[in-house]
Every structure is written in structure tokens, then in C-alpha cells.
Amino acid sequence: EKDCEFDHAGFGVAGIETLYAELKTALADELSEEELLQFITVNPRNLLGLDHPVIDEGAKANLTVFDPFEEFTQGKLVSKSQNNPAIGKKLTGMVVKTVY
């Protein structure tokens, strides 16, 4: 259902890889960095009743490092699915490394 033109593909996109940069780019004038990170990290965990990761000696790492000022053009995704409207668009806020 996804191996076709975007307008004809089944519902849903591979959006987690581009979420931060798309929101940062679209809402830069409306949300502070702190508000944006709250919306995509803390609020979903609160809504689902999940524990929040902690940064502590001996704790399992769960971190994402990003450069909030890096501008880039979104290329191919790491995901198998390439059904994402951000591909080819100029975005701000590049994820540099994710550690689990």
C-alpha cells in the first residue's frame, strides 16, 4: 500500500524520524524549544502513564542528541518505508545520535 505515489498510498507515514525537525521548522515562531520538547517527549509519556527515563549512573541510556540550529534537506530515511512528505524539504533541527 506504500509502494506508490504519496497521494495514492495507504494511510500513515514514517514520521518518527522527522518529527522533531518538521515541528521545529513549522512551529519555530510559535513554540519555544522547551515547549516543543515537552510536547514530543514528556507529554506522551504522561498521557500513556509511562515512566520517564533518568540520566543516572548505572541507568539504561535513552537519549537523543540533536543540533537545534542545523539546517538540512531531508534525504532518504533509515526506515524501510520512504512514505514521508518531508523527504526533499529543507528542515531545521537535526538529530545527531540516538542511544538506547
N, C-alpha and C. Protein backbone atom coordinates (compact mmCIF):
# COMPACT_ATOMS: atom_id res chain seq x y z
N GLU A 1 0.81 -1.20 0.00
CA GLU A 1 0.00 0.00 0.00
C GLU A 1 0.85 1.27 0.00
N LYS A 2 2.14 1.14 0.28
CA LYS A 2 3.00 2.32 0.36
C LYS A 2 3.91 2.48 -0.85
N ASP A 3 4.03 1.44 -1.67
CA ASP A 3 4.94 1.47 -2.81
C ASP A 3 4.26 2.09 -4.02
N CYS A 4 3.91 3.38 -3.89
CA CYS A 4 3.23 4.11 -4.96
C CYS A 4 3.35 5.60 -4.67
N GLU A 5 2.75 6.43 -5.51
CA GLU A 5 2.79 7.87 -5.30
C GLU A 5 2.16 8.20 -3.93
N PHE A 6 2.67 9.26 -3.32
CA PHE A 6 2.24 9.63 -1.98
C PHE A 6 0.72 9.80 -1.88
N ASP A 7 0.12 10.46 -2.86
CA ASP A 7 -1.33 10.71 -2.83
C ASP A 7 -2.17 9.44 -2.92
N HIS A 8 -1.59 8.36 -3.41
CA HIS A 8 -2.32 7.11 -3.58
C HIS A 8 -1.97 6.06 -2.51
N ALA A 9 -1.02 6.39 -1.65
CA ALA A 9 -0.56 5.43 -0.64
C ALA A 9 -1.57 5.27 0.48
N GLY A 10 -1.47 4.14 1.18
CA GLY A 10 -2.32 3.89 2.35
C GLY A 10 -2.04 4.91 3.44
N PHE A 11 -2.93 5.00 4.40
CA PHE A 11 -2.79 5.97 5.48
C PHE A 11 -1.52 5.73 6.29
N GLY A 12 -1.00 6.81 6.83
CA GLY A 12 0.15 6.74 7.72
C GLY A 12 1.46 7.02 7.00
N VAL A 13 2.39 7.60 7.74
CA VAL A 13 3.72 7.88 7.22
C VAL A 13 4.77 7.47 8.24
N ALA A 14 5.98 7.26 7.76
CA ALA A 14 7.11 7.02 8.66
C ALA A 14 7.53 8.38 9.18
N GLY A 15 6.95 8.83 10.28
CA GLY A 15 7.15 10.20 10.73
C GLY A 15 8.05 10.38 11.93
N ILE A 16 8.39 9.32 12.64
CA ILE A 16 9.15 9.49 13.88
C ILE A 16 10.56 10.02 13.60
N GLU A 17 11.13 9.66 12.45
CA GLU A 17 12.48 10.11 12.11
C GLU A 17 12.55 11.60 11.83
N THR A 18 11.46 12.19 11.38
CA THR A 18 11.47 13.59 11.00
C THR A 18 10.62 14.47 11.92
N LEU A 19 10.02 13.88 12.94
CA LEU A 19 9.09 14.60 13.81
C LEU A 19 9.69 15.88 14.39
N TYR A 20 10.84 15.76 15.04
CA TYR A 20 11.44 16.93 15.70
C TYR A 20 11.72 18.04 14.68
N ALA A 21 12.39 17.70 13.59
CA ALA A 21 12.76 18.72 12.60
C ALA A 21 11.54 19.34 11.92
N GLU A 22 10.53 18.53 11.63
CA GLU A 22 9.33 19.08 11.00
C GLU A 22 8.61 20.06 11.93
N LEU A 23 8.45 19.68 13.19
CA LEU A 23 7.78 20.56 14.14
C LEU A 23 8.63 21.80 14.42
N LYS A 24 9.93 21.62 14.57
CA LYS A 24 10.82 22.75 14.82
C LYS A 24 10.74 23.75 13.67
N THR A 25 10.74 23.25 12.44
CA THR A 25 10.68 24.10 11.26
C THR A 25 9.34 24.81 11.16
N ALA A 26 8.27 24.07 11.34
CA ALA A 26 6.92 24.63 11.16
C ALA A 26 6.49 25.55 12.30
N LEU A 27 6.94 25.27 13.51
CA LEU A 27 6.45 26.00 14.68
C LEU A 27 7.50 26.85 15.38
N ALA A 28 8.59 27.15 14.70
CA ALA A 28 9.70 27.89 15.31
C ALA A 28 9.26 29.22 15.91
N ASP A 29 8.32 29.88 15.28
CA ASP A 29 7.87 31.19 15.77
C ASP A 29 6.77 31.09 16.83
N GLU A 30 6.26 29.89 17.05
CA GLU A 30 5.13 29.73 17.96
C GLU A 30 5.47 29.00 19.25
N LEU A 31 6.50 28.14 19.23
CA LEU A 31 6.86 27.36 20.41
C LEU A 31 8.32 27.57 20.77
N SER A 32 8.59 27.64 22.05
CA SER A 32 9.98 27.66 22.49
C SER A 32 10.54 26.24 22.35
N GLU A 33 11.84 26.13 22.41
CA GLU A 33 12.48 24.80 22.34
C GLU A 33 11.98 23.92 23.48
N GLU A 34 11.84 24.50 24.65
CA GLU A 34 11.37 23.74 25.81
C GLU A 34 9.95 23.22 25.60
N GLU A 35 9.08 24.06 25.05
CA GLU A 35 7.69 23.63 24.80
C GLU A 35 7.65 22.52 23.75
N LEU A 36 8.43 22.67 22.70
CA LEU A 36 8.47 21.65 21.66
C LEU A 36 8.92 20.31 22.23
N LEU A 37 9.99 20.32 23.00
CA LEU A 37 10.48 19.07 23.59
C LEU A 37 9.49 18.49 24.58
N GLN A 38 8.80 19.33 25.30
CA GLN A 38 7.75 18.87 26.23
C GLN A 38 6.66 18.11 25.45
N PHE A 39 6.24 18.69 24.33
CA PHE A 39 5.17 18.09 23.53
C PHE A 39 5.54 16.73 22.96
N ILE A 40 6.82 16.54 22.60
CA ILE A 40 7.18 15.28 21.94
C ILE A 40 7.89 14.27 22.84
N THR A 41 8.17 14.66 24.08
CA THR A 41 8.84 13.72 24.99
C THR A 41 8.05 13.48 26.28
N VAL A 42 7.84 14.53 27.04
CA VAL A 42 7.21 14.40 28.36
C VAL A 42 5.70 14.14 28.25
N ASN A 43 5.00 14.94 27.47
CA ASN A 43 3.54 14.82 27.39
C ASN A 43 3.06 13.43 26.94
N PRO A 44 3.64 12.84 25.89
CA PRO A 44 3.18 11.50 25.51
C PRO A 44 3.39 10.46 26.61
N ARG A 45 4.51 10.56 27.33
CA ARG A 45 4.75 9.62 28.43
C ARG A 45 3.74 9.82 29.56
N ASN A 46 3.42 11.07 29.85
CA ASN A 46 2.40 11.35 30.87
C ASN A 46 1.05 10.80 30.45
N LEU A 47 0.68 11.04 29.21
CA LEU A 47 -0.61 10.59 28.69
C LEU A 47 -0.74 9.07 28.75
N LEU A 48 0.34 8.36 28.46
CA LEU A 48 0.32 6.89 28.45
C LEU A 48 0.69 6.27 29.80
N GLY A 49 1.00 7.11 30.77
CA GLY A 49 1.35 6.59 32.10
C GLY A 49 2.69 5.87 32.13
N LEU A 50 3.62 6.28 31.27
CA LEU A 50 4.94 5.65 31.21
C LEU A 50 5.92 6.38 32.11
N ASP A 51 6.88 5.63 32.64
CA ASP A 51 7.94 6.24 33.43
C ASP A 51 8.81 7.11 32.52
N HIS A 52 9.43 8.11 33.12
CA HIS A 52 10.34 8.97 32.38
C HIS A 52 11.76 8.45 32.55
N PRO A 53 12.53 8.39 31.46
CA PRO A 53 13.91 7.94 31.59
C PRO A 53 14.70 8.89 32.49
N VAL A 54 15.68 8.34 33.16
CA VAL A 54 16.54 9.16 34.02
C VAL A 54 17.97 9.05 33.53
N ILE A 55 18.72 10.12 33.72
CA ILE A 55 20.14 10.10 33.42
C ILE A 55 20.84 9.92 34.76
N ASP A 56 21.37 8.73 34.97
CA ASP A 56 21.98 8.41 36.25
C ASP A 56 23.00 7.30 36.04
N GLU A 57 23.99 7.26 36.89
CA GLU A 57 25.00 6.21 36.81
C GLU A 57 24.34 4.85 36.93
N GLY A 58 24.65 3.97 35.99
CA GLY A 58 24.12 2.62 36.00
C GLY A 58 22.75 2.48 35.35
N ALA A 59 22.10 3.62 35.03
CA ALA A 59 20.79 3.56 34.38
C ALA A 59 20.96 3.27 32.90
N LYS A 60 19.97 2.61 32.32
CA LYS A 60 19.98 2.32 30.89
C LYS A 60 19.86 3.64 30.13
N ALA A 61 20.73 3.83 29.14
CA ALA A 61 20.72 5.07 28.35
C ALA A 61 19.49 5.11 27.44
N ASN A 62 18.88 6.27 27.36
CA ASN A 62 17.75 6.51 26.46
C ASN A 62 17.81 7.99 26.11
N LEU A 63 18.69 8.34 25.18
CA LEU A 63 18.98 9.74 24.88
C LEU A 63 18.93 10.01 23.38
N THR A 64 18.56 11.22 23.03
CA THR A 64 18.67 11.69 21.67
C THR A 64 19.43 13.00 21.70
N VAL A 65 20.51 13.06 20.93
CA VAL A 65 21.33 14.27 20.83
C VAL A 65 20.98 14.95 19.51
N PHE A 66 20.73 16.25 19.56
CA PHE A 66 20.35 16.95 18.35
C PHE A 66 20.97 18.33 18.32
N ASP A 67 21.05 18.86 17.12
CA ASP A 67 21.53 20.23 16.91
C ASP A 67 20.32 21.05 16.49
N PRO A 68 19.78 21.89 17.37
CA PRO A 68 18.55 22.62 17.07
C PRO A 68 18.70 23.68 15.98
N PHE A 69 19.94 23.99 15.60
CA PHE A 69 20.17 25.05 14.60
C PHE A 69 20.59 24.51 13.24
N GLU A 70 20.90 23.23 13.15
CA GLU A 70 21.38 22.64 11.90
C GLU A 70 20.27 22.62 10.85
N GLU A 71 20.56 23.24 9.70
CA GLU A 71 19.61 23.21 8.57
C GLU A 71 20.07 22.13 7.60
N PHE A 72 19.11 21.38 7.07
CA PHE A 72 19.45 20.29 6.16
C PHE A 72 18.26 20.00 5.26
N THR A 73 18.54 19.30 4.18
CA THR A 73 17.47 18.82 3.31
C THR A 73 17.29 17.34 3.61
N GLN A 74 16.07 16.96 3.98
CA GLN A 74 15.79 15.58 4.38
C GLN A 74 15.99 14.65 3.19
N GLY A 75 16.87 13.70 3.37
CA GLY A 75 17.12 12.69 2.34
C GLY A 75 16.37 11.41 2.67
N LYS A 76 16.89 10.32 2.19
CA LYS A 76 16.29 9.01 2.42
C LYS A 76 16.25 8.71 3.92
N LEU A 77 15.19 8.07 4.34
CA LEU A 77 15.02 7.72 5.75
C LEU A 77 15.74 6.42 6.08
N VAL A 78 16.02 6.21 7.35
CA VAL A 78 16.59 4.95 7.81
C VAL A 78 15.52 3.85 7.73
N SER A 79 14.27 4.24 7.98
CA SER A 79 13.14 3.32 7.95
C SER A 79 13.00 2.67 6.58
N LYS A 80 12.43 1.46 6.56
CA LYS A 80 12.14 0.80 5.29
C LYS A 80 11.16 1.61 4.46
N SER A 81 10.19 2.18 5.12
CA SER A 81 9.18 2.98 4.42
C SER A 81 9.77 4.34 4.06
N GLN A 82 9.55 4.76 2.86
CA GLN A 82 10.01 6.08 2.42
C GLN A 82 8.81 6.99 2.15
N ASN A 83 7.67 6.67 2.74
CA ASN A 83 6.44 7.42 2.56
C ASN A 83 6.39 8.55 3.58
N ASN A 84 7.05 9.67 3.24
CA ASN A 84 7.12 10.79 4.17
C ASN A 84 7.22 12.08 3.37
N PRO A 85 6.31 13.02 3.61
CA PRO A 85 6.31 14.26 2.84
C PRO A 85 7.50 15.17 3.13
N ALA A 86 8.31 14.89 4.16
CA ALA A 86 9.46 15.73 4.49
C ALA A 86 10.66 15.45 3.58
N ILE A 87 10.66 14.31 2.91
CA ILE A 87 11.79 13.96 2.05
C ILE A 87 11.93 15.03 0.96
N GLY A 88 13.13 15.57 0.87
CA GLY A 88 13.42 16.61 -0.11
C GLY A 88 13.17 18.03 0.39
N LYS A 89 12.64 18.17 1.60
CA LYS A 89 12.35 19.50 2.14
C LYS A 89 13.49 20.00 3.03
N LYS A 90 13.67 21.31 3.06
CA LYS A 90 14.66 21.93 3.93
C LYS A 90 14.06 22.04 5.34
N LEU A 91 14.78 21.50 6.32
CA LEU A 91 14.31 21.48 7.70
C LEU A 91 15.39 22.04 8.62
N THR A 92 15.00 22.38 9.83
CA THR A 92 15.92 22.86 10.85
C THR A 92 15.77 21.97 12.08
N GLY A 93 16.92 21.57 12.66
CA GLY A 93 16.89 20.75 13.87
C GLY A 93 17.23 19.30 13.56
N MET A 94 18.50 19.00 13.41
CA MET A 94 18.92 17.65 13.00
C MET A 94 19.25 16.77 14.20
N VAL A 95 18.69 15.57 14.20
CA VAL A 95 19.06 14.57 15.20
C VAL A 95 20.44 14.06 14.83
N VAL A 96 21.36 14.09 15.80
CA VAL A 96 22.74 13.70 15.56
C VAL A 96 22.98 12.24 15.96
N LYS A 97 22.40 11.83 17.08
CA LYS A 97 22.64 10.48 17.58
C LYS A 97 21.53 10.08 18.54
N THR A 98 21.12 8.84 18.45
CA THR A 98 20.15 8.28 19.39
C THR A 98 20.82 7.10 20.10
N VAL A 99 20.69 7.03 21.42
CA VAL A 99 21.30 5.98 22.21
C VAL A 99 20.22 5.31 23.04
N TYR A 100 20.10 3.99 22.91
CA TYR A 100 19.15 3.21 23.73
C TYR A 100 19.91 2.26 24.60
